[in-house]
Full PDB file with SEQRES, HELIX, SHEET, SSBOND, CRYST1, ORIGX, SCALE, CONECT and MASTER records, all heavy atoms in Angstrom:
SEQRES   1 A   40  HIS TYR LEU GLY THR GLY TYR VAL ASN PRO HIS SER LEU          
SEQRES   2 A   40  ILE CYS ALA ARG LEU VAL SER ARG ASP ARG ARG HIS PRO          
SEQRES   3 A   40  TRP GLY GLU SER LEU ILE VAL HIS ARG LEU LYS VAL ALA          
SEQRES   4 A   40  LEU                                                          
HELIX    1 AA1 GLU A   29  ALA A   39  1                                  11    
SHEET    1 AA1 2 THR A   5  VAL A   8  0                                        
SHEET    2 AA1 2 ALA A  16  SER A  20 -1                                        
CRYST1    1.000    1.000    1.000  90.00  90.00  90.00 P 1           1          
ORIGX1      1.000000  0.000000  0.000000        0.00000                         
ORIGX2      0.000000  1.000000  0.000000        0.00000                         
ORIGX3      0.000000  0.000000  1.000000        0.00000                         
SCALE1      1.000000  0.000000  0.000000        0.00000                         
SCALE2      0.000000  1.000000  0.000000        0.00000                         
SCALE3      0.000000  0.000000  1.000000        0.00000                         
ATOM      1  N   HIS A   1     -23.614   7.993 -18.264  1.00  0.00           N  
ATOM      2  CA  HIS A   1     -24.618   9.009 -18.568  1.00  0.00           C  
ATOM      3  C   HIS A   1     -24.027  10.408 -18.414  1.00  0.00           C  
ATOM      4  O   HIS A   1     -23.274  10.673 -17.465  1.00  0.00           O  
ATOM      5  CB  HIS A   1     -25.836   8.856 -17.656  1.00  0.00           C  
ATOM      6  CG  HIS A   1     -26.529   7.550 -17.790  1.00  0.00           C  
ATOM      7  ND1 HIS A   1     -27.059   6.849 -16.728  1.00  0.00           N  
ATOM      8  CD2 HIS A   1     -26.770   6.783 -18.893  1.00  0.00           C  
ATOM      9  CE1 HIS A   1     -27.606   5.732 -17.157  1.00  0.00           C  
ATOM     10  NE2 HIS A   1     -27.437   5.673 -18.471  1.00  0.00           N  
ATOM     11  N   TYR A   2     -24.398  11.288 -19.310  1.00  0.00           N  
ATOM     12  CA  TYR A   2     -23.876  12.654 -19.357  1.00  0.00           C  
ATOM     13  C   TYR A   2     -24.307  13.447 -18.127  1.00  0.00           C  
ATOM     14  O   TYR A   2     -25.483  13.476 -17.769  1.00  0.00           O  
ATOM     15  CB  TYR A   2     -24.398  13.326 -20.627  1.00  0.00           C  
ATOM     16  CG  TYR A   2     -24.053  14.784 -20.803  1.00  0.00           C  
ATOM     17  CD1 TYR A   2     -22.897  15.161 -21.471  1.00  0.00           C  
ATOM     18  CD2 TYR A   2     -24.900  15.789 -20.333  1.00  0.00           C  
ATOM     19  CE1 TYR A   2     -22.584  16.502 -21.656  1.00  0.00           C  
ATOM     20  CE2 TYR A   2     -24.587  17.136 -20.512  1.00  0.00           C  
ATOM     21  CZ  TYR A   2     -23.432  17.469 -21.178  1.00  0.00           C  
ATOM     22  OH  TYR A   2     -23.130  18.802 -21.359  1.00  0.00           O  
ATOM     23  N   LEU A   3     -23.358  14.100 -17.491  1.00  0.00           N  
ATOM     24  CA  LEU A   3     -23.638  15.020 -16.392  1.00  0.00           C  
ATOM     25  C   LEU A   3     -23.362  16.468 -16.770  1.00  0.00           C  
ATOM     26  O   LEU A   3     -24.027  17.380 -16.277  1.00  0.00           O  
ATOM     27  CB  LEU A   3     -22.794  14.655 -15.167  1.00  0.00           C  
ATOM     28  CG  LEU A   3     -23.076  13.289 -14.519  1.00  0.00           C  
ATOM     29  CD1 LEU A   3     -22.051  13.000 -13.433  1.00  0.00           C  
ATOM     30  CD2 LEU A   3     -24.486  13.244 -13.944  1.00  0.00           C  
ATOM     31  N   GLY A   4     -22.375  16.676 -17.623  1.00  0.00           N  
ATOM     32  CA  GLY A   4     -22.044  18.031 -18.037  1.00  0.00           C  
ATOM     33  C   GLY A   4     -20.622  18.102 -18.554  1.00  0.00           C  
ATOM     34  O   GLY A   4     -19.920  17.089 -18.660  1.00  0.00           O  
ATOM     35  N   THR A   5     -20.198  19.324 -18.869  1.00  0.00           N  
ATOM     36  CA  THR A   5     -18.824  19.537 -19.323  1.00  0.00           C  
ATOM     37  C   THR A   5     -18.123  20.506 -18.375  1.00  0.00           C  
ATOM     38  O   THR A   5     -18.753  21.308 -17.678  1.00  0.00           O  
ATOM     39  CB  THR A   5     -18.778  20.093 -20.756  1.00  0.00           C  
ATOM     40  OG1 THR A   5     -19.534  21.323 -20.807  1.00  0.00           O  
ATOM     41  CG2 THR A   5     -19.351  19.098 -21.746  1.00  0.00           C  
ATOM     42  N   GLY A   6     -16.806  20.398 -18.353  1.00  0.00           N  
ATOM     43  CA  GLY A   6     -16.021  21.263 -17.488  1.00  0.00           C  
ATOM     44  C   GLY A   6     -14.555  21.081 -17.780  1.00  0.00           C  
ATOM     45  O   GLY A   6     -14.172  20.821 -18.928  1.00  0.00           O  
ATOM     46  N   TYR A   7     -13.750  21.181 -16.757  1.00  0.00           N  
ATOM     47  CA  TYR A   7     -12.315  21.017 -16.959  1.00  0.00           C  
ATOM     48  C   TYR A   7     -11.716  20.249 -15.786  1.00  0.00           C  
ATOM     49  O   TYR A   7     -12.320  20.129 -14.716  1.00  0.00           O  
ATOM     50  CB  TYR A   7     -11.626  22.360 -17.172  1.00  0.00           C  
ATOM     51  CG  TYR A   7     -11.850  23.393 -16.078  1.00  0.00           C  
ATOM     52  CD1 TYR A   7     -11.140  23.330 -14.878  1.00  0.00           C  
ATOM     53  CD2 TYR A   7     -12.728  24.456 -16.267  1.00  0.00           C  
ATOM     54  CE1 TYR A   7     -11.318  24.279 -13.891  1.00  0.00           C  
ATOM     55  CE2 TYR A   7     -12.920  25.409 -15.273  1.00  0.00           C  
ATOM     56  CZ  TYR A   7     -12.208  25.321 -14.094  1.00  0.00           C  
ATOM     57  OH  TYR A   7     -12.396  26.256 -13.114  1.00  0.00           O  
ATOM     58  N   VAL A   8     -10.511  19.727 -16.006  1.00  0.00           N  
ATOM     59  CA  VAL A   8      -9.895  18.818 -15.059  1.00  0.00           C  
ATOM     60  C   VAL A   8      -8.501  19.301 -14.676  1.00  0.00           C  
ATOM     61  O   VAL A   8      -7.838  19.997 -15.458  1.00  0.00           O  
ATOM     62  CB  VAL A   8      -9.826  17.382 -15.663  1.00  0.00           C  
ATOM     63  CG1 VAL A   8      -8.874  17.357 -16.841  1.00  0.00           C  
ATOM     64  CG2 VAL A   8      -9.412  16.350 -14.628  1.00  0.00           C  
ATOM     65  N   ASN A   9      -8.094  18.948 -13.456  1.00  0.00           N  
ATOM     66  CA  ASN A   9      -6.704  19.122 -13.039  1.00  0.00           C  
ATOM     67  C   ASN A   9      -6.325  17.903 -12.210  1.00  0.00           C  
ATOM     68  O   ASN A   9      -6.721  17.790 -11.039  1.00  0.00           O  
ATOM     69  CB  ASN A   9      -6.506  20.393 -12.218  1.00  0.00           C  
ATOM     70  CG  ASN A   9      -5.032  20.666 -11.933  1.00  0.00           C  
ATOM     71  OD1 ASN A   9      -4.190  19.786 -12.083  1.00  0.00           O  
ATOM     72  ND2 ASN A   9      -4.723  21.884 -11.511  1.00  0.00           N  
ATOM     73  N   PRO A  10      -5.586  16.972 -12.777  1.00  0.00           N  
ATOM     74  CA  PRO A  10      -5.281  15.722 -12.072  1.00  0.00           C  
ATOM     75  C   PRO A  10      -4.410  15.915 -10.838  1.00  0.00           C  
ATOM     76  O   PRO A  10      -4.289  15.001 -10.022  1.00  0.00           O  
ATOM     77  CB  PRO A  10      -4.541  14.899 -13.135  1.00  0.00           C  
ATOM     78  CG  PRO A  10      -3.965  15.903 -14.076  1.00  0.00           C  
ATOM     79  CD  PRO A  10      -4.967  17.017 -14.119  1.00  0.00           C  
ATOM     80  N   HIS A  11      -3.799  17.081 -10.674  1.00  0.00           N  
ATOM     81  CA  HIS A  11      -2.898  17.315  -9.555  1.00  0.00           C  
ATOM     82  C   HIS A  11      -3.574  18.020  -8.375  1.00  0.00           C  
ATOM     83  O   HIS A  11      -2.907  18.311  -7.378  1.00  0.00           O  
ATOM     84  CB  HIS A  11      -1.699  18.142 -10.011  1.00  0.00           C  
ATOM     85  CG  HIS A  11      -0.995  17.570 -11.206  1.00  0.00           C  
ATOM     86  ND1 HIS A  11      -0.591  16.258 -11.269  1.00  0.00           N  
ATOM     87  CD2 HIS A  11      -0.648  18.135 -12.394  1.00  0.00           C  
ATOM     88  CE1 HIS A  11      -0.010  16.028 -12.438  1.00  0.00           C  
ATOM     89  NE2 HIS A  11      -0.037  17.150 -13.136  1.00  0.00           N  
ATOM     90  N   SER A  12      -4.865  18.297  -8.488  1.00  0.00           N  
ATOM     91  CA  SER A  12      -5.580  19.028  -7.454  1.00  0.00           C  
ATOM     92  C   SER A  12      -6.586  18.120  -6.754  1.00  0.00           C  
ATOM     93  O   SER A  12      -7.138  17.207  -7.364  1.00  0.00           O  
ATOM     94  CB  SER A  12      -6.308  20.229  -8.067  1.00  0.00           C  
ATOM     95  OG  SER A  12      -7.096  20.895  -7.103  1.00  0.00           O  
ATOM     96  N   LEU A  13      -6.826  18.384  -5.457  1.00  0.00           N  
ATOM     97  CA  LEU A  13      -7.835  17.621  -4.726  1.00  0.00           C  
ATOM     98  C   LEU A  13      -9.197  17.780  -5.385  1.00  0.00           C  
ATOM     99  O   LEU A  13      -9.929  16.799  -5.560  1.00  0.00           O  
ATOM    100  CB  LEU A  13      -7.895  18.086  -3.270  1.00  0.00           C  
ATOM    101  CG  LEU A  13      -8.974  17.431  -2.402  1.00  0.00           C  
ATOM    102  CD1 LEU A  13      -8.752  15.932  -2.288  1.00  0.00           C  
ATOM    103  CD2 LEU A  13      -9.015  18.085  -1.023  1.00  0.00           C  
ATOM    104  N   ILE A  14      -9.545  19.019  -5.740  1.00  0.00           N  
ATOM    105  CA  ILE A  14     -10.730  19.243  -6.575  1.00  0.00           C  
ATOM    106  C   ILE A  14     -10.260  19.017  -8.001  1.00  0.00           C  
ATOM    107  O   ILE A  14      -9.714  19.910  -8.647  1.00  0.00           O  
ATOM    108  CB  ILE A  14     -11.291  20.664  -6.401  1.00  0.00           C  
ATOM    109  CG1 ILE A  14     -11.626  20.932  -4.930  1.00  0.00           C  
ATOM    110  CG2 ILE A  14     -12.545  20.854  -7.261  1.00  0.00           C  
ATOM    111  CD1 ILE A  14     -12.043  22.364  -4.652  1.00  0.00           C  
ATOM    112  N   CYS A  15     -10.448  17.797  -8.491  1.00  0.00           N  
ATOM    113  CA  CYS A  15      -9.800  17.421  -9.748  1.00  0.00           C  
ATOM    114  C   CYS A  15     -10.602  17.831 -10.978  1.00  0.00           C  
ATOM    115  O   CYS A  15     -10.081  17.776 -12.091  1.00  0.00           O  
ATOM    116  CB  CYS A  15      -9.517  15.918  -9.779  1.00  0.00           C  
ATOM    117  SG  CYS A  15     -10.986  14.907  -9.961  1.00  0.00           S  
ATOM    118  N   ALA A  16     -11.858  18.213 -10.800  1.00  0.00           N  
ATOM    119  CA  ALA A  16     -12.651  18.669 -11.943  1.00  0.00           C  
ATOM    120  C   ALA A  16     -13.723  19.627 -11.463  1.00  0.00           C  
ATOM    121  O   ALA A  16     -14.189  19.542 -10.320  1.00  0.00           O  
ATOM    122  CB  ALA A  16     -13.275  17.489 -12.680  1.00  0.00           C  
ATOM    123  N   ARG A  17     -14.112  20.529 -12.351  1.00  0.00           N  
ATOM    124  CA  ARG A  17     -15.178  21.488 -12.060  1.00  0.00           C  
ATOM    125  C   ARG A  17     -16.164  21.463 -13.210  1.00  0.00           C  
ATOM    126  O   ARG A  17     -15.790  21.642 -14.365  1.00  0.00           O  
ATOM    127  CB  ARG A  17     -14.604  22.887 -11.842  1.00  0.00           C  
ATOM    128  CG  ARG A  17     -13.652  22.912 -10.635  1.00  0.00           C  
ATOM    129  CD  ARG A  17     -12.977  24.252 -10.451  1.00  0.00           C  
ATOM    130  NE  ARG A  17     -11.841  24.131  -9.545  1.00  0.00           N  
ATOM    131  CZ  ARG A  17     -11.821  24.579  -8.286  1.00  0.00           C  
ATOM    132  NH1 ARG A  17     -12.879  25.167  -7.785  1.00  0.00           N  
ATOM    133  NH2 ARG A  17     -10.747  24.426  -7.539  1.00  0.00           N  
ATOM    134  N   LEU A  18     -17.410  21.250 -12.861  1.00  0.00           N  
ATOM    135  CA  LEU A  18     -18.477  21.215 -13.856  1.00  0.00           C  
ATOM    136  C   LEU A  18     -18.894  22.647 -14.167  1.00  0.00           C  
ATOM    137  O   LEU A  18     -19.182  23.419 -13.254  1.00  0.00           O  
ATOM    138  CB  LEU A  18     -19.652  20.405 -13.315  1.00  0.00           C  
ATOM    139  CG  LEU A  18     -20.788  20.060 -14.282  1.00  0.00           C  
ATOM    140  CD1 LEU A  18     -21.483  18.771 -13.825  1.00  0.00           C  
ATOM    141  CD2 LEU A  18     -21.813  21.175 -14.380  1.00  0.00           C  
ATOM    142  N   VAL A  19     -18.917  22.992 -15.444  1.00  0.00           N  
ATOM    143  CA  VAL A  19     -19.241  24.357 -15.830  1.00  0.00           C  
ATOM    144  C   VAL A  19     -20.564  24.445 -16.576  1.00  0.00           C  
ATOM    145  O   VAL A  19     -21.298  25.417 -16.461  1.00  0.00           O  
ATOM    146  CB  VAL A  19     -18.107  24.973 -16.687  1.00  0.00           C  
ATOM    147  CG1 VAL A  19     -18.403  26.427 -16.997  1.00  0.00           C  
ATOM    148  CG2 VAL A  19     -16.768  24.859 -15.972  1.00  0.00           C  
ATOM    149  N   SER A  20     -20.922  23.417 -17.334  1.00  0.00           N  
ATOM    150  CA  SER A  20     -22.175  23.449 -18.087  1.00  0.00           C  
ATOM    151  C   SER A  20     -22.866  22.092 -18.019  1.00  0.00           C  
ATOM    152  O   SER A  20     -22.228  21.049 -18.185  1.00  0.00           O  
ATOM    153  CB  SER A  20     -21.918  23.821 -19.546  1.00  0.00           C  
ATOM    154  OG  SER A  20     -23.120  23.746 -20.308  1.00  0.00           O  
ATOM    155  N   ARG A  21     -24.178  22.109 -17.809  1.00  0.00           N  
ATOM    156  CA  ARG A  21     -24.983  20.885 -17.840  1.00  0.00           C  
ATOM    157  C   ARG A  21     -25.738  20.745 -19.162  1.00  0.00           C  
ATOM    158  O   ARG A  21     -26.450  19.770 -19.370  1.00  0.00           O  
ATOM    159  CB  ARG A  21     -25.982  20.889 -16.679  1.00  0.00           C  
ATOM    160  CG  ARG A  21     -25.330  21.000 -15.310  1.00  0.00           C  
ATOM    161  CD  ARG A  21     -26.380  21.084 -14.199  1.00  0.00           C  
ATOM    162  NE  ARG A  21     -25.759  21.437 -12.925  1.00  0.00           N  
ATOM    163  CZ  ARG A  21     -25.268  20.549 -12.058  1.00  0.00           C  
ATOM    164  NH1 ARG A  21     -25.345  19.261 -12.344  1.00  0.00           N  
ATOM    165  NH2 ARG A  21     -24.716  20.946 -10.922  1.00  0.00           N  
ATOM    166  N   ASP A  22     -25.611  21.735 -20.026  1.00  0.00           N  
ATOM    167  CA  ASP A  22     -26.344  21.789 -21.292  1.00  0.00           C  
ATOM    168  C   ASP A  22     -25.451  21.270 -22.428  1.00  0.00           C  
ATOM    169  O   ASP A  22     -24.405  21.859 -22.708  1.00  0.00           O  
ATOM    170  CB  ASP A  22     -26.768  23.229 -21.569  1.00  0.00           C  
ATOM    171  CG  ASP A  22     -27.761  23.355 -22.715  1.00  0.00           C  
ATOM    172  OD1 ASP A  22     -27.802  22.450 -23.574  1.00  0.00           O  
ATOM    173  OD2 ASP A  22     -28.487  24.367 -22.755  1.00  0.00           O  
ATOM    174  N   ARG A  23     -25.879  20.199 -23.077  1.00  0.00           N  
ATOM    175  CA  ARG A  23     -25.096  19.644 -24.184  1.00  0.00           C  
ATOM    176  C   ARG A  23     -24.887  20.658 -25.309  1.00  0.00           C  
ATOM    177  O   ARG A  23     -23.889  20.613 -26.026  1.00  0.00           O  
ATOM    178  CB  ARG A  23     -25.806  18.413 -24.765  1.00  0.00           C  
ATOM    179  CG  ARG A  23     -25.849  17.206 -23.843  1.00  0.00           C  
ATOM    180  CD  ARG A  23     -26.594  16.076 -24.518  1.00  0.00           C  
ATOM    181  NE  ARG A  23     -26.745  14.908 -23.672  1.00  0.00           N  
ATOM    182  CZ  ARG A  23     -25.866  13.922 -23.593  1.00  0.00           C  
ATOM    183  NH1 ARG A  23     -24.764  13.961 -24.332  1.00  0.00           N  
ATOM    184  NH2 ARG A  23     -26.073  12.884 -22.797  1.00  0.00           N  
ATOM    185  N   ARG A  24     -25.846  21.545 -25.465  1.00  0.00           N  
ATOM    186  CA  ARG A  24     -25.777  22.522 -26.569  1.00  0.00           C  
ATOM    187  C   ARG A  24     -24.752  23.621 -26.299  1.00  0.00           C  
ATOM    188  O   ARG A  24     -24.351  24.337 -27.228  1.00  0.00           O  
ATOM    189  CB  ARG A  24     -27.150  23.157 -26.796  1.00  0.00           C  
ATOM    190  CG  ARG A  24     -28.246  22.178 -27.180  1.00  0.00           C  
ATOM    191  CD  ARG A  24     -29.604  22.842 -27.093  1.00  0.00           C  
ATOM    192  NE  ARG A  24     -29.868  23.310 -25.731  1.00  0.00           N  
ATOM    193  CZ  ARG A  24     -30.922  24.050 -25.394  1.00  0.00           C  
ATOM    194  NH1 ARG A  24     -31.794  24.443 -26.319  1.00  0.00           N  
ATOM    195  NH2 ARG A  24     -31.100  24.421 -24.135  1.00  0.00           N  
ATOM    196  N   HIS A  25     -24.359  23.767 -25.050  1.00  0.00           N  
ATOM    197  CA  HIS A  25     -23.442  24.851 -24.681  1.00  0.00           C  
ATOM    198  C   HIS A  25     -22.315  24.298 -23.814  1.00  0.00           C  
ATOM    199  O   HIS A  25     -22.295  24.490 -22.594  1.00  0.00           O  
ATOM    200  CB  HIS A  25     -24.190  25.956 -23.938  1.00  0.00           C  
ATOM    201  CG  HIS A  25     -25.332  26.533 -24.705  1.00  0.00           C  
ATOM    202  ND1 HIS A  25     -25.146  27.342 -25.804  1.00  0.00           N  
ATOM    203  CD2 HIS A  25     -26.672  26.393 -24.561  1.00  0.00           C  
ATOM    204  CE1 HIS A  25     -26.328  27.699 -26.299  1.00  0.00           C  
ATOM    205  NE2 HIS A  25     -27.269  27.125 -25.564  1.00  0.00           N  
ATOM    206  N   PRO A  26     -21.357  23.614 -24.435  1.00  0.00           N  
ATOM    207  CA  PRO A  26     -20.245  23.043 -23.678  1.00  0.00           C  
ATOM    208  C   PRO A  26     -19.284  24.130 -23.200  1.00  0.00           C  
ATOM    209  O   PRO A  26     -19.340  25.286 -23.629  1.00  0.00           O  
ATOM    210  CB  PRO A  26     -19.574  22.115 -24.693  1.00  0.00           C  
ATOM    211  CG  PRO A  26     -19.868  22.749 -26.018  1.00  0.00           C  
ATOM    212  CD  PRO A  26     -21.250  23.339 -25.882  1.00  0.00           C  
ATOM    213  N   TRP A  27     -18.403  23.721 -22.309  1.00  0.00           N  
ATOM    214  CA  TRP A  27     -17.388  24.614 -21.777  1.00  0.00           C  
ATOM    215  C   TRP A  27     -16.513  25.159 -22.899  1.00  0.00           C  
ATOM    216  O   TRP A  27     -15.984  24.410 -23.718  1.00  0.00           O  
ATOM    217  CB  TRP A  27     -16.538  23.854 -20.763  1.00  0.00           C  
ATOM    218  CG  TRP A  27     -15.252  24.512 -20.350  1.00  0.00           C  
ATOM    219  CD1 TRP A  27     -14.014  23.957 -20.404  1.00  0.00           C  
ATOM    220  CD2 TRP A  27     -15.080  25.817 -19.804  1.00  0.00           C  
ATOM    221  NE1 TRP A  27     -13.075  24.829 -19.924  1.00  0.00           N  
ATOM    222  CE2 TRP A  27     -13.691  25.992 -19.553  1.00  0.00           C  
ATOM    223  CE3 TRP A  27     -15.953  26.871 -19.511  1.00  0.00           C  
ATOM    224  CZ2 TRP A  27     -13.169  27.154 -19.018  1.00  0.00           C  
ATOM    225  CZ3 TRP A  27     -15.421  28.034 -18.988  1.00  0.00           C  
ATOM    226  CH2 TRP A  27     -14.060  28.175 -18.729  1.00  0.00           C  
ATOM    227  N   GLY A  28     -16.402  26.491 -22.968  1.00  0.00           N  
ATOM    228  CA  GLY A  28     -15.591  27.132 -23.990  1.00  0.00           C  
ATOM    229  C   GLY A  28     -15.871  28.620 -24.041  1.00  0.00           C  
ATOM    230  O   GLY A  28     -16.641  29.163 -23.231  1.00  0.00           O  
ATOM    231  N   GLU A  29     -15.272  29.303 -25.008  1.00  0.00           N  
ATOM    232  CA  GLU A  29     -15.359  30.764 -25.057  1.00  0.00           C  
ATOM    233  C   GLU A  29     -16.783  31.257 -25.229  1.00  0.00           C  
ATOM    234  O   GLU A  29     -17.187  32.242 -24.604  1.00  0.00           O  
ATOM    235  CB  GLU A  29     -14.485  31.297 -26.202  1.00  0.00           C  
ATOM    236  CG  GLU A  29     -14.483  32.809 -26.296  1.00  0.00           C  
ATOM    237  CD  GLU A  29     -13.602  33.326 -27.413  1.00  0.00           C  
ATOM    238  OE1 GLU A  29     -12.683  32.596 -27.845  1.00  0.00           O  
ATOM    239  OE2 GLU A  29     -13.841  34.468 -27.862  1.00  0.00           O  
ATOM    240  N   SER A  30     -17.580  30.602 -26.075  1.00  0.00           N  
ATOM    241  CA  SER A  30     -18.949  31.076 -26.287  1.00  0.00           C  
ATOM    242  C   SER A  30     -19.766  30.980 -25.007  1.00  0.00           C  
ATOM    243  O   SER A  30     -20.622  31.845 -24.737  1.00  0.00           O  
ATOM    244  CB  SER A  30     -19.625  30.277 -27.408  1.00  0.00           C  
ATOM    245  OG  SER A  30     -19.721  28.904 -27.065  1.00  0.00           O  
ATOM    246  N   LEU A  31     -19.515  29.951 -24.200  1.00  0.00           N  
ATOM    247  CA  LEU A  31     -20.215  29.843 -22.928  1.00  0.00           C  
ATOM    248  C   LEU A  31     -19.778  30.952 -21.980  1.00  0.00           C  
ATOM    249  O   LEU A  31     -20.608  31.521 -21.247  1.00  0.00           O  
ATOM    250  CB  LEU A  31     -19.950  28.477 -22.294  1.00  0.00           C  
ATOM    251  CG  LEU A  31     -20.648  28.234 -20.948  1.00  0.00           C  
ATOM    252  CD1 LEU A  31     -22.155  28.188 -21.131  1.00  0.00           C  
ATOM    253  CD2 LEU A  31     -20.150  26.948 -20.302  1.00  0.00           C  
ATOM    254  N   ILE A  32     -18.493  31.294 -21.994  1.00  0.00           N  
ATOM    255  CA  ILE A  32     -18.010  32.387 -21.152  1.00  0.00           C  
ATOM    256  C   ILE A  32     -18.704  33.692 -21.526  1.00  0.00           C  
ATOM    257  O   ILE A  32     -19.133  34.456 -20.654  1.00  0.00           O  
ATOM    258  CB  ILE A  32     -16.481  32.534 -21.275  1.00  0.00           C  
ATOM    259  CG1 ILE A  32     -15.778  31.300 -20.707  1.00  0.00           C  
ATOM    260  CG2 ILE A  32     -16.002  33.787 -20.551  1.00  0.00           C  
ATOM    261  CD1 ILE A  32     -14.270  31.306 -20.890  1.00  0.00           C  
ATOM    262  N   VAL A  33     -18.856  33.949 -22.817  1.00  0.00           N  
ATOM    263  CA  VAL A  33     -19.552  35.156 -23.270  1.00  0.00           C  
ATOM    264  C   VAL A  33     -20.961  35.185 -22.703  1.00  0.00           C  
ATOM    265  O   VAL A  33     -21.425  36.209 -22.170  1.00  0.00           O  
ATOM    266  CB  VAL A  33     -19.582  35.228 -24.813  1.00  0.00           C  
ATOM    267  CG1 VAL A  33     -20.526  36.340 -25.279  1.00  0.00           C  
ATOM    268  CG2 VAL A  33     -18.183  35.467 -25.366  1.00  0.00           C  
ATOM    269  N   HIS A  34     -21.663  34.062 -22.792  1.00  0.00           N  
ATOM    270  CA  HIS A  34     -23.039  34.000 -22.283  1.00  0.00           C  
ATOM    271  C   HIS A  34     -23.082  34.237 -20.782  1.00  0.00           C  
ATOM    272  O   HIS A  34     -23.908  35.041 -20.292  1.00  0.00           O  
ATOM    273  CB  HIS A  34     -23.643  32.633 -22.619  1.00  0.00           C  
ATOM    274  CG  HIS A  34     -24.979  32.399 -21.979  1.00  0.00           C  
ATOM    275  ND1 HIS A  34     -26.105  33.096 -22.345  1.00  0.00           N  
ATOM    276  CD2 HIS A  34     -25.349  31.552 -20.972  1.00  0.00           C  
ATOM    277  CE1 HIS A  34     -27.132  32.697 -21.610  1.00  0.00           C  
ATOM    278  NE2 HIS A  34     -26.699  31.771 -20.761  1.00  0.00           N  
ATOM    279  N   ARG A  35     -22.196  33.595 -20.042  1.00  0.00           N  
ATOM    280  CA  ARG A  35     -22.212  33.748 -18.585  1.00  0.00           C  
ATOM    281  C   ARG A  35     -21.848  35.183 -18.186  1.00  0.00           C  
ATOM    282  O   ARG A  35     -22.384  35.717 -17.198  1.00  0.00           O  
ATOM    283  CB  ARG A  35     -21.234  32.746 -17.954  1.00  0.00           C  
ATOM    284  CG  ARG A  35     -21.651  31.283 -18.162  1.00  0.00           C  
ATOM    285  CD  ARG A  35     -22.668  30.841 -17.140  1.00  0.00           C  
ATOM    286  NE  ARG A  35     -23.297  29.583 -17.517  1.00  0.00           N  
ATOM    287  CZ  ARG A  35     -22.791  28.377 -17.302  1.00  0.00           C  
ATOM    288  NH1 ARG A  35     -21.599  28.267 -16.731  1.00  0.00           N  
ATOM    289  NH2 ARG A  35     -23.460  27.297 -17.645  1.00  0.00           N  
ATOM    290  N   LEU A  36     -20.942  35.808 -18.916  1.00  0.00           N  
ATOM    291  CA  LEU A  36     -20.604  37.203 -18.629  1.00  0.00           C  
ATOM    292  C   LEU A  36     -21.805  38.117 -18.853  1.00  0.00           C  
ATOM    293  O   LEU A  36     -22.056  39.040 -18.062  1.00  0.00           O  
ATOM    294  CB  LEU A  36     -19.439  37.662 -19.506  1.00  0.00           C  
ATOM    295  CG  LEU A  36     -18.055  37.107 -19.178  1.00  0.00           C  
ATOM    296  CD1 LEU A  36     -17.037  37.590 -20.211  1.00  0.00           C  
ATOM    297  CD2 LEU A  36     -17.612  37.513 -17.783  1.00  0.00           C  
ATOM    298  N   LYS A  37     -22.562  37.861 -19.910  1.00  0.00           N  
ATOM    299  CA  LYS A  37     -23.753  38.673 -20.173  1.00  0.00           C  
ATOM    300  C   LYS A  37     -24.785  38.514 -19.069  1.00  0.00           C  
ATOM    301  O   LYS A  37     -25.423  39.494 -18.646  1.00  0.00           O  
ATOM    302  CB  LYS A  37     -24.348  38.301 -21.530  1.00  0.00           C  
ATOM    303  CG  LYS A  37     -23.510  38.733 -22.723  1.00  0.00           C  
ATOM    304  CD  LYS A  37     -24.166  38.309 -24.040  1.00  0.00           C  
ATOM    305  CE  LYS A  37     -23.364  38.795 -25.229  1.00  0.00           C  
ATOM    306  NZ  LYS A  37     -23.969  38.357 -26.529  1.00  0.00           N  
ATOM    307  N   VAL A  38     -24.956  37.296 -18.588  1.00  0.00           N  
ATOM    308  CA  VAL A  38     -25.902  37.042 -17.494  1.00  0.00           C  
ATOM    309  C   VAL A  38     -25.448  37.750 -16.227  1.00  0.00           C  
ATOM    310  O   VAL A  38     -26.245  38.384 -15.517  1.00  0.00           O  
ATOM    311  CB  VAL A  38     -26.047  35.524 -17.264  1.00  0.00           C  
ATOM    312  CG1 VAL A  38     -26.874  35.245 -16.005  1.00  0.00           C  
ATOM    313  CG2 VAL A  38     -26.694  34.855 -18.470  1.00  0.00           C  
ATOM    314  N   ALA A  39     -24.158  37.656 -15.926  1.00  0.00           N  
ATOM    315  CA  ALA A  39     -23.615  38.315 -14.740  1.00  0.00           C  
ATOM    316  C   ALA A  39     -23.737  39.834 -14.844  1.00  0.00           C  
ATOM    317  O   ALA A  39     -24.100  40.514 -13.871  1.00  0.00           O  
ATOM    318  CB  ALA A  39     -22.151  37.912 -14.552  1.00  0.00           C  
ATOM    319  N   LEU A  40     -23.445  40.365 -16.014  1.00  0.00           N  
ATOM    320  CA  LEU A  40     -23.524  41.811 -16.226  1.00  0.00           C  
ATOM    321  C   LEU A  40     -24.958  42.315 -16.047  1.00  0.00           C  
ATOM    322  O   LEU A  40     -25.186  43.359 -15.425  1.00  0.00           O  
ATOM    323  CB  LEU A  40     -23.010  42.156 -17.621  1.00  0.00           C  
ATOM    324  CG  LEU A  40     -23.055  43.639 -18.021  1.00  0.00           C  
ATOM    325  CD1 LEU A  40     -22.178  44.465 -17.098  1.00  0.00           C  
ATOM    326  CD2 LEU A  40     -22.615  43.809 -19.474  1.00  0.00           C  
TER     327      LEU A  40                                                      
MASTER        0    0    0    1    2    0    0    6  326    1    0    4          
END                                                                             
């Protein structure tokens, strides 16, 4: 079952970080733009 999208690093103890739980807005540049606008 889908939990979200993010990125992985197999060499790190924290091997993955979840960045988005929304299927419509997966991890990527457009999501970064949105999060920057929210933060700003």
